Amino acid sequence: MDELVKLVTDKVGISPDQAQKAVATVMGFLKDKLPGPLGEQLDKVMAGGAGGSGGLGDMAGAAESALGGLFGKK
C-alpha cells in the first residue's frame, strides 16, 4: 500500500497523510463493492502479495471464478 500512497502523493501533490487517507477510502469502497473473493484478493495485493502469491494474477483468477457465471462458465 505504501507504493500506492507514494504514487498518489507524487501525482496529486498532496501530503503522505492525505494520500494515505485517500487510498484507504478508495480501498474500503472497492472492498464493499467487489464480490467477497475479490475483496480478499485486494487485501493480499495491497499487502504485497502475501503468502508468495502472484498478487494481481491471483486477483484475476478470483475475478474469473467469481464472474464466470456471467459468461456461461461453471
N, C-alpha and C. Protein backbone atom coordinates (compact mmCIF):
# COMPACT_ATOMS: atom_id res chain seq x y z
N MET A 1 0.82 -1.18 0.00
CA MET A 1 0.00 0.00 0.00
C MET A 1 0.87 1.25 0.00
N ASP A 2 2.06 1.12 0.55
CA ASP A 2 2.96 2.28 0.59
C ASP A 2 3.29 2.78 -0.81
N GLU A 3 3.44 1.86 -1.73
CA GLU A 3 3.76 2.25 -3.11
C GLU A 3 2.63 3.09 -3.71
N LEU A 4 1.40 2.68 -3.46
CA LEU A 4 0.24 3.42 -3.98
C LEU A 4 0.13 4.78 -3.31
N VAL A 5 0.38 4.84 -2.02
CA VAL A 5 0.34 6.12 -1.30
C VAL A 5 1.38 7.07 -1.86
N LYS A 6 2.59 6.55 -2.13
CA LYS A 6 3.64 7.39 -2.71
C LYS A 6 3.24 7.88 -4.09
N LEU A 7 2.65 7.01 -4.90
CA LEU A 7 2.21 7.39 -6.24
C LEU A 7 1.17 8.50 -6.17
N VAL A 8 0.20 8.36 -5.28
CA VAL A 8 -0.83 9.39 -5.12
C VAL A 8 -0.20 10.69 -4.63
N THR A 9 0.71 10.59 -3.68
CA THR A 9 1.40 11.78 -3.17
C THR A 9 2.11 12.51 -4.30
N ASP A 10 2.85 11.77 -5.12
CA ASP A 10 3.62 12.36 -6.20
C ASP A 10 2.74 12.92 -7.31
N LYS A 11 1.73 12.17 -7.72
CA LYS A 11 0.89 12.56 -8.86
C LYS A 11 -0.06 13.70 -8.52
N VAL A 12 -0.61 13.68 -7.31
CA VAL A 12 -1.64 14.65 -6.96
C VAL A 12 -1.05 15.85 -6.21
N GLY A 13 0.09 15.64 -5.60
CA GLY A 13 0.73 16.74 -4.90
C GLY A 13 0.13 17.01 -3.53
N ILE A 14 -0.30 15.93 -2.85
CA ILE A 14 -0.84 16.08 -1.50
C ILE A 14 0.13 15.42 -0.52
N SER A 15 -0.09 15.68 0.75
CA SER A 15 0.80 15.13 1.76
C SER A 15 0.64 13.62 1.85
N PRO A 16 1.66 12.92 2.34
CA PRO A 16 1.53 11.47 2.51
C PRO A 16 0.36 11.09 3.41
N ASP A 17 0.08 11.89 4.44
CA ASP A 17 -1.04 11.59 5.32
C ASP A 17 -2.37 11.69 4.57
N GLN A 18 -2.51 12.72 3.75
CA GLN A 18 -3.73 12.87 2.95
C GLN A 18 -3.85 11.73 1.93
N ALA A 19 -2.74 11.37 1.32
CA ALA A 19 -2.75 10.28 0.35
C ALA A 19 -3.12 8.96 1.02
N GLN A 20 -2.61 8.73 2.22
CA GLN A 20 -2.95 7.51 2.97
C GLN A 20 -4.45 7.44 3.21
N LYS A 21 -5.05 8.54 3.61
CA LYS A 21 -6.49 8.58 3.86
C LYS A 21 -7.27 8.35 2.57
N ALA A 22 -6.81 8.95 1.47
CA ALA A 22 -7.49 8.78 0.18
C ALA A 22 -7.42 7.33 -0.28
N VAL A 23 -6.26 6.72 -0.18
CA VAL A 23 -6.09 5.33 -0.61
C VAL A 23 -6.94 4.42 0.27
N ALA A 24 -6.94 4.63 1.57
CA ALA A 24 -7.74 3.81 2.48
C ALA A 24 -9.23 3.95 2.16
N THR A 25 -9.67 5.14 1.81
CA THR A 25 -11.07 5.37 1.47
C THR A 25 -11.44 4.63 0.20
N VAL A 26 -10.60 4.73 -0.82
CA VAL A 26 -10.87 4.05 -2.08
C VAL A 26 -10.83 2.53 -1.90
N MET A 27 -9.87 2.04 -1.14
CA MET A 27 -9.78 0.59 -0.91
C MET A 27 -11.02 0.08 -0.18
N GLY A 28 -11.49 0.82 0.80
CA GLY A 28 -12.70 0.43 1.51
C GLY A 28 -13.91 0.40 0.59
N PHE A 29 -14.00 1.40 -0.27
CA PHE A 29 -15.10 1.45 -1.23
C PHE A 29 -15.05 0.24 -2.16
N LEU A 30 -13.88 -0.06 -2.69
CA LEU A 30 -13.75 -1.20 -3.61
C LEU A 30 -14.09 -2.51 -2.91
N LYS A 31 -13.61 -2.69 -1.70
CA LYS A 31 -13.89 -3.93 -0.97
C LYS A 31 -15.38 -4.10 -0.70
N ASP A 32 -16.08 -3.00 -0.47
CA ASP A 32 -17.53 -3.07 -0.26
C ASP A 32 -18.27 -3.43 -1.54
N LYS A 33 -17.75 -3.03 -2.68
CA LYS A 33 -18.43 -3.23 -3.95
C LYS A 33 -18.07 -4.54 -4.64
N LEU A 34 -16.89 -5.07 -4.37
CA LEU A 34 -16.44 -6.29 -5.04
C LEU A 34 -17.01 -7.53 -4.36
N PRO A 35 -17.18 -8.61 -5.15
CA PRO A 35 -17.57 -9.89 -4.52
C PRO A 35 -16.51 -10.31 -3.50
N GLY A 36 -16.92 -11.07 -2.48
CA GLY A 36 -16.05 -11.47 -1.38
C GLY A 36 -14.65 -11.92 -1.77
N PRO A 37 -14.53 -12.89 -2.72
CA PRO A 37 -13.18 -13.37 -3.07
C PRO A 37 -12.30 -12.27 -3.65
N LEU A 38 -12.89 -11.34 -4.38
CA LEU A 38 -12.07 -10.26 -4.95
C LEU A 38 -11.63 -9.28 -3.87
N GLY A 39 -12.50 -9.02 -2.91
CA GLY A 39 -12.12 -8.15 -1.80
C GLY A 39 -10.97 -8.73 -1.01
N GLU A 40 -11.00 -10.05 -0.82
CA GLU A 40 -9.91 -10.71 -0.12
C GLU A 40 -8.61 -10.62 -0.92
N GLN A 41 -8.71 -10.80 -2.22
CA GLN A 41 -7.52 -10.70 -3.07
C GLN A 41 -6.97 -9.28 -3.08
N LEU A 42 -7.86 -8.31 -3.04
CA LEU A 42 -7.43 -6.91 -2.99
C LEU A 42 -6.59 -6.67 -1.74
N ASP A 43 -7.02 -7.24 -0.62
CA ASP A 43 -6.22 -7.13 0.61
C ASP A 43 -4.83 -7.73 0.42
N LYS A 44 -4.76 -8.88 -0.24
CA LYS A 44 -3.48 -9.55 -0.46
C LYS A 44 -2.58 -8.72 -1.36
N VAL A 45 -3.16 -8.16 -2.42
CA VAL A 45 -2.36 -7.33 -3.34
C VAL A 45 -1.82 -6.11 -2.60
N MET A 46 -2.65 -5.49 -1.80
CA MET A 46 -2.22 -4.30 -1.09
C MET A 46 -1.20 -4.62 -0.01
N ALA A 47 -1.19 -5.87 0.45
CA ALA A 47 -0.20 -6.30 1.44
C ALA A 47 1.07 -6.78 0.76
N GLY A 48 1.13 -6.68 -0.55
CA GLY A 48 2.32 -7.09 -1.29
C GLY A 48 2.29 -8.53 -1.73
N GLY A 49 1.10 -9.07 -1.97
CA GLY A 49 1.01 -10.45 -2.46
C GLY A 49 1.37 -11.45 -1.38
N ALA A 50 0.74 -11.33 -0.23
CA ALA A 50 1.04 -12.18 0.92
C ALA A 50 1.03 -13.65 0.58
N GLY A 51 1.86 -14.39 1.22
CA GLY A 51 1.90 -15.83 1.03
C GLY A 51 2.62 -16.26 -0.23
N GLY A 52 3.40 -15.37 -0.81
CA GLY A 52 4.14 -15.72 -2.01
C GLY A 52 3.26 -15.84 -3.24
N SER A 53 2.03 -15.36 -3.15
CA SER A 53 1.12 -15.45 -4.27
C SER A 53 1.49 -14.42 -5.33
N GLY A 54 0.87 -14.56 -6.48
CA GLY A 54 1.16 -13.67 -7.58
C GLY A 54 0.48 -12.33 -7.49
N GLY A 55 -0.28 -12.08 -6.46
CA GLY A 55 -0.92 -10.78 -6.29
C GLY A 55 -1.96 -10.52 -7.34
N LEU A 56 -1.62 -9.72 -8.35
CA LEU A 56 -2.57 -9.37 -9.39
C LEU A 56 -3.02 -10.58 -10.19
N GLY A 57 -2.15 -11.53 -10.42
CA GLY A 57 -2.54 -12.74 -11.13
C GLY A 57 -3.57 -13.52 -10.36
N ASP A 58 -3.39 -13.60 -9.06
CA ASP A 58 -4.38 -14.27 -8.21
C ASP A 58 -5.70 -13.52 -8.23
N MET A 59 -5.62 -12.19 -8.25
CA MET A 59 -6.83 -11.39 -8.28
C MET A 59 -7.60 -11.64 -9.59
N ALA A 60 -6.87 -11.74 -10.69
CA ALA A 60 -7.51 -12.01 -11.97
C ALA A 60 -8.18 -13.38 -11.95
N GLY A 61 -7.53 -14.35 -11.37
CA GLY A 61 -8.11 -15.69 -11.26
C GLY A 61 -9.36 -15.68 -10.40
N ALA A 62 -9.34 -14.94 -9.31
CA ALA A 62 -10.51 -14.84 -8.45
C ALA A 62 -11.65 -14.14 -9.18
N ALA A 63 -11.31 -13.12 -9.96
CA ALA A 63 -12.34 -12.41 -10.73
C ALA A 63 -12.97 -13.34 -11.74
N GLU A 64 -12.17 -14.12 -12.43
CA GLU A 64 -12.69 -15.06 -13.40
C GLU A 64 -13.62 -16.06 -12.73
N SER A 65 -13.21 -16.56 -11.59
CA SER A 65 -14.02 -17.53 -10.85
C SER A 65 -15.33 -16.91 -10.38
N ALA A 66 -15.25 -15.72 -9.82
CA ALA A 66 -16.44 -15.07 -9.27
C ALA A 66 -17.40 -14.64 -10.37
N LEU A 67 -16.87 -14.24 -11.51
CA LEU A 67 -17.70 -13.73 -12.59
C LEU A 67 -17.98 -14.73 -13.68
N GLY A 68 -17.43 -15.93 -13.56
CA GLY A 68 -17.56 -16.95 -14.60
C GLY A 68 -19.00 -17.24 -15.00
N GLY A 69 -19.91 -17.23 -14.03
CA GLY A 69 -21.31 -17.50 -14.33
C GLY A 69 -21.91 -16.48 -15.29
N LEU A 70 -21.39 -15.28 -15.28
CA LEU A 70 -21.90 -14.26 -16.18
C LEU A 70 -21.55 -14.56 -17.64
N PHE A 71 -20.52 -15.37 -17.83
CA PHE A 71 -20.05 -15.64 -19.18
C PHE A 71 -20.30 -17.09 -19.57
N GLY A 72 -21.20 -17.76 -18.86
CA GLY A 72 -21.58 -19.11 -19.20
C GLY A 72 -20.65 -20.19 -18.69
N LYS A 73 -19.67 -19.84 -17.87
CA LYS A 73 -18.77 -20.83 -17.29
C LYS A 73 -19.34 -21.31 -15.97
N LYS A 74 -19.02 -22.54 -15.62
CA LYS A 74 -19.48 -23.08 -14.34
C LYS A 74 -18.32 -23.35 -13.41
